[in-house]
Every structure is written in C-alpha cells, then in structure tokens.
Amino acid sequence: MAGLIAPVARLIEAFGRLPGVGQKTAQRLAYHVLRTPADEARALADALVAI
C-alpha cells in the first residue's frame, strides 16, 4: 500500500480485517466509500460507531 494516503490505507486495512475480505476486496470497498456521497459515507461511519 505504499504511496496511498494514510487515511485510505487505514480504511483498506480495516476492511481487510473483516472475515472473508482479502486485500483486493478491501481496496474495492475503500474506493467505493471514497466515491460515495458524503452523507452516505457518514451514515456508514455512524452505523459502525453505534455498534
């Protein structure tokens, strides 16, 4: 993950720790979140924090 901005790298690493999620899928999920409208990304973050 050399060259990635630190927050993006952390997001990829976090997704990669989920069961059944490999490096490539973690990258896809992270980039999907980056393309998601801010309110939807915030809703996802809020849902994660709430549990």
Protein backbone atom coordinates (compact mmCIF):
# COMPACT_ATOMS: atom_id res chain seq x y z
CA MET A 1 0.00 0.00 0.00
CA ALA A 2 2.97 2.24 -0.47
CA GLY A 3 2.06 5.63 -1.80
CA LEU A 4 -1.52 5.64 -0.56
CA ILE A 5 -2.71 8.48 1.59
CA ALA A 6 -2.66 7.33 5.23
CA PRO A 7 -6.44 7.50 5.86
CA VAL A 8 -7.14 5.49 2.71
CA ALA A 9 -4.52 2.93 3.69
CA ARG A 10 -6.07 2.66 7.16
CA LEU A 11 -9.52 2.16 5.64
CA ILE A 12 -8.21 -0.60 3.37
CA GLU A 13 -6.51 -2.26 6.33
CA ALA A 14 -9.71 -2.03 8.38
CA PHE A 15 -11.80 -3.60 5.62
CA GLY A 16 -9.13 -6.26 5.18
CA ARG A 17 -9.58 -7.36 8.79
CA LEU A 18 -13.18 -8.36 8.11
CA PRO A 19 -13.73 -12.10 7.73
CA GLY A 20 -13.60 -13.22 4.12
CA VAL A 21 -12.33 -9.88 2.83
CA GLY A 22 -8.98 -10.04 1.10
CA GLN A 23 -6.70 -7.21 0.04
CA LYS A 24 -8.32 -6.68 -3.36
CA THR A 25 -11.85 -6.62 -1.97
CA ALA A 26 -10.76 -4.30 0.82
CA GLN A 27 -9.38 -1.91 -1.80
CA ARG A 28 -12.59 -2.08 -3.81
CA LEU A 29 -14.69 -1.37 -0.72
CA ALA A 30 -12.48 1.55 0.29
CA TYR A 31 -12.62 3.13 -3.15
CA HIS A 32 -16.37 2.61 -3.24
CA VAL A 33 -16.68 4.53 0.03
CA LEU A 34 -14.50 7.30 -1.41
CA ARG A 35 -16.87 7.67 -4.37
CA THR A 36 -19.96 7.56 -2.17
CA PRO A 37 -21.70 10.85 -1.34
CA ALA A 38 -20.51 12.26 1.98
CA ASP A 39 -23.86 11.80 3.71
CA GLU A 40 -23.94 8.10 2.82
CA ALA A 41 -20.34 7.59 3.93
CA ARG A 42 -21.16 9.38 7.19
CA ALA A 43 -24.19 7.12 7.69
CA LEU A 44 -21.94 4.08 7.30
CA ALA A 45 -19.42 5.52 9.75
CA ASP A 46 -22.17 6.37 12.24
CA ALA A 47 -23.58 2.84 11.99
CA LEU A 48 -20.15 1.36 12.69
CA VAL A 49 -19.57 3.65 15.66
CA ALA A 50 -23.00 2.86 17.08
CA ILE A 51 -22.29 -0.86 17.48
